[in-house]
Amino acid sequence: MRTGYGLIESEEWKLLDCGIWAVQRKMLPQGIQTIYRQAKEALKLYKPQILAIEEPFLSKNPRLALDIGKIVGALTLAGLEENCKVETFSIPSIKEAVTGYGRADKEQVKEMVKRILHIRELPFPLDVSDALGVAICCIFNYQWRKAVDRVS
């Protein structure tokens, strides 16, 4: 199992870090602890205000869905322990924010992530561009809420 992660500085739209946290499914639950620790390290290093997580999707494989839920729980706990606000976003809302189309495919998301962040190439699996898409969606959402608060 693997999960992509991405950290973006929101004022200048600067990519700070990205990659994959991976564990073998047969190594669970220790693997969940590994991902939790890796997330904590990144959160301590970069000190983000918000930890954005993709909402778990319904899988045809119930075992996989449970494992994904456990990882989401570990990431949520890591964020809360590091004083981050934790927000979740649905896959269609992420795709809508990044590409303008809620049913875009992963390649379309990757291309828009590269354009938004001014990156020539993402030499990582699509899990990373998906994670950066979640971060971009969160930043757009945050900026929109700030704008609405100013006029309220």
Protein backbone atom coordinates (compact mmCIF):
# COMPACT_ATOMS: atom_id res chain seq x y z
CA MET A 1 0.00 0.00 0.00
CA ARG A 2 1.16 3.49 -0.66
CA THR A 3 -0.02 7.02 -0.22
CA GLY A 4 1.26 10.09 -1.96
CA TYR A 5 1.99 13.27 -0.07
CA GLY A 6 2.69 16.82 -1.12
CA LEU A 7 3.43 20.06 0.68
CA ILE A 8 2.84 23.42 -0.97
CA GLU A 9 3.62 26.91 0.28
CA SER A 10 0.33 28.63 -0.44
CA GLU A 11 1.38 32.26 -0.85
CA GLU A 12 3.79 31.64 -3.73
CA TRP A 13 2.44 28.27 -4.88
CA LYS A 14 5.83 26.74 -4.24
CA LEU A 15 6.30 22.97 -4.04
CA LEU A 16 8.11 22.22 -0.79
CA ASP A 17 8.17 18.42 -0.78
CA CYS A 18 6.39 15.45 -2.26
CA GLY A 19 6.75 11.72 -2.56
CA ILE A 20 5.35 8.35 -1.55
CA TRP A 21 4.98 6.68 1.81
CA ALA A 22 4.68 2.97 1.13
CA VAL A 23 4.34 -0.22 3.14
CA GLN A 24 3.57 -3.77 2.23
CA ARG A 25 0.01 -4.79 3.10
CA LYS A 26 1.31 -7.89 4.79
CA MET A 27 3.22 -5.57 7.17
CA LEU A 28 0.08 -3.97 8.58
CA PRO A 29 -0.50 -2.74 11.32
CA GLN A 30 3.21 -1.88 11.74
CA GLY A 31 3.08 -0.26 8.32
CA ILE A 32 0.39 2.13 9.50
CA GLN A 33 2.69 3.15 12.32
CA THR A 34 5.46 3.74 9.77
CA ILE A 35 3.25 6.04 7.69
CA TYR A 36 2.11 7.81 10.88
CA ARG A 37 5.74 8.46 11.87
CA GLN A 38 6.68 9.68 8.39
CA ALA A 39 3.72 12.06 8.41
CA LYS A 40 4.67 13.34 11.86
CA GLU A 41 8.23 14.03 10.68
CA ALA A 42 6.99 16.01 7.67
CA LEU A 43 4.48 17.93 9.80
CA LYS A 44 7.15 18.80 12.38
CA LEU A 45 9.55 19.92 9.67
CA TYR A 46 7.17 22.06 7.60
CA LYS A 47 4.56 23.04 10.24
CA PRO A 48 1.58 23.41 7.87
CA GLN A 49 -1.59 25.09 9.08
CA ILE A 50 -3.84 22.57 7.38
CA LEU A 51 -3.49 18.88 6.62
CA ALA A 52 -5.68 18.07 3.64
CA ILE A 53 -6.71 14.46 3.08
CA GLU A 54 -8.60 12.87 0.22
CA GLU A 55 -11.82 11.34 1.50
CA PRO A 56 -11.61 7.57 1.39
CA PHE A 57 -13.49 6.15 -1.56
CA LEU A 58 -15.67 3.09 -1.58
CA SER A 59 -13.67 0.14 -2.79
CA LYS A 60 -14.99 -3.07 -4.24
CA ASN A 61 -12.54 -4.78 -1.91
CA PRO A 62 -13.76 -4.33 1.70
CA ARG A 63 -10.37 -5.30 3.15
CA LEU A 64 -8.64 -2.62 1.09
CA ALA A 65 -11.25 -0.04 2.15
CA LEU A 66 -10.60 -0.86 5.81
CA ASP A 67 -6.84 -0.55 5.36
CA ILE A 68 -7.25 2.80 3.61
CA GLY A 69 -9.48 3.98 6.46
CA LYS A 70 -6.81 2.99 8.98
CA ILE A 71 -4.19 5.00 7.11
CA VAL A 72 -6.52 8.01 6.92
CA GLY A 73 -7.05 7.69 10.68
CA ALA A 74 -3.29 7.58 11.30
CA LEU A 75 -2.74 10.66 9.12
CA THR A 76 -5.58 12.50 10.86
CA LEU A 77 -4.12 11.70 14.28
CA ALA A 78 -0.66 12.85 13.18
CA GLY A 79 -2.12 16.13 11.95
CA LEU A 80 -4.12 16.79 15.09
CA GLU A 81 -1.13 16.00 17.30
CA GLU A 82 0.92 18.54 15.35
CA ASN A 83 -1.79 21.20 15.76
CA CYS A 84 -2.93 21.14 12.14
CA LYS A 85 -6.46 21.73 11.12
CA VAL A 86 -7.47 18.54 9.28
CA GLU A 87 -9.77 18.82 6.29
CA THR A 88 -11.01 16.18 3.90
CA PHE A 89 -12.02 16.66 0.29
CA SER A 90 -13.96 14.37 -2.03
CA ILE A 91 -12.33 13.13 -5.20
CA PRO A 92 -14.79 15.00 -7.48
CA SER A 93 -14.25 18.27 -5.58
CA ILE A 94 -10.47 17.86 -5.88
CA LYS A 95 -10.72 17.22 -9.61
CA GLU A 96 -13.11 20.15 -10.03
CA ALA A 97 -10.76 22.51 -8.16
CA VAL A 98 -7.66 21.43 -10.07
CA THR A 99 -8.99 20.85 -13.60
CA GLY A 100 -12.41 22.50 -13.66
CA TYR A 101 -14.02 19.11 -14.32
CA GLY A 102 -15.09 16.79 -11.50
CA ARG A 103 -14.67 13.65 -13.59
CA ALA A 104 -11.18 14.36 -14.92
CA ASP A 105 -8.80 11.44 -15.14
CA LYS A 106 -5.55 11.14 -13.20
CA GLU A 107 -3.42 12.27 -16.16
CA GLN A 108 -5.47 15.46 -16.50
CA VAL A 109 -5.01 16.16 -12.79
CA LYS A 110 -1.26 15.57 -13.14
CA GLU A 111 -0.99 17.99 -16.07
CA MET A 112 -2.85 20.75 -14.23
CA VAL A 113 -0.81 20.18 -11.05
CA LYS A 114 2.34 20.69 -13.11
CA ARG A 115 0.94 23.90 -14.62
CA ILE A 116 -0.34 25.34 -11.33
CA LEU A 117 2.94 24.64 -9.54
CA HIS A 118 5.15 25.52 -12.55
CA ILE A 119 6.81 22.10 -12.59
CA ARG A 120 8.20 20.65 -15.80
CA GLU A 121 7.85 17.03 -14.74
CA LEU A 122 6.67 14.99 -11.78
CA PRO A 123 8.90 11.92 -11.78
CA PHE A 124 6.61 10.12 -9.37
CA PRO A 125 3.59 7.82 -9.61
CA LEU A 126 0.18 9.43 -10.04
CA ASP A 127 -0.33 9.09 -6.26
CA VAL A 128 1.92 12.13 -5.86
CA SER A 129 0.07 14.32 -8.36
CA ASP A 130 -3.18 13.22 -6.67
CA ALA A 131 -1.78 14.30 -3.29
CA LEU A 132 -0.68 17.63 -4.71
CA GLY A 133 -4.16 17.99 -6.19
CA VAL A 134 -5.61 17.60 -2.69
CA ALA A 135 -3.25 20.32 -1.43
CA ILE A 136 -4.18 22.64 -4.31
CA CYS A 137 -7.89 22.04 -3.68
CA CYS A 138 -7.37 22.87 -0.01
CA ILE A 139 -5.53 26.10 -0.83
CA PHE A 140 -8.25 27.19 -3.28
CA ASN A 141 -10.90 26.36 -0.68
CA TYR A 142 -9.04 28.28 2.04
CA GLN A 143 -8.54 31.33 -0.20
CA TRP A 144 -12.21 31.29 -1.18
CA ARG A 145 -13.32 31.17 2.48
CA LYS A 146 -10.99 34.08 3.33
CA ALA A 147 -12.48 36.12 0.48
CA VAL A 148 -16.02 35.35 1.60
CA ASP A 149 -15.16 36.30 5.19
CA ARG A 150 -13.85 39.67 4.00
CA VAL A 151 -17.15 40.55 2.34
CA SER A 152 -19.40 39.15 5.07
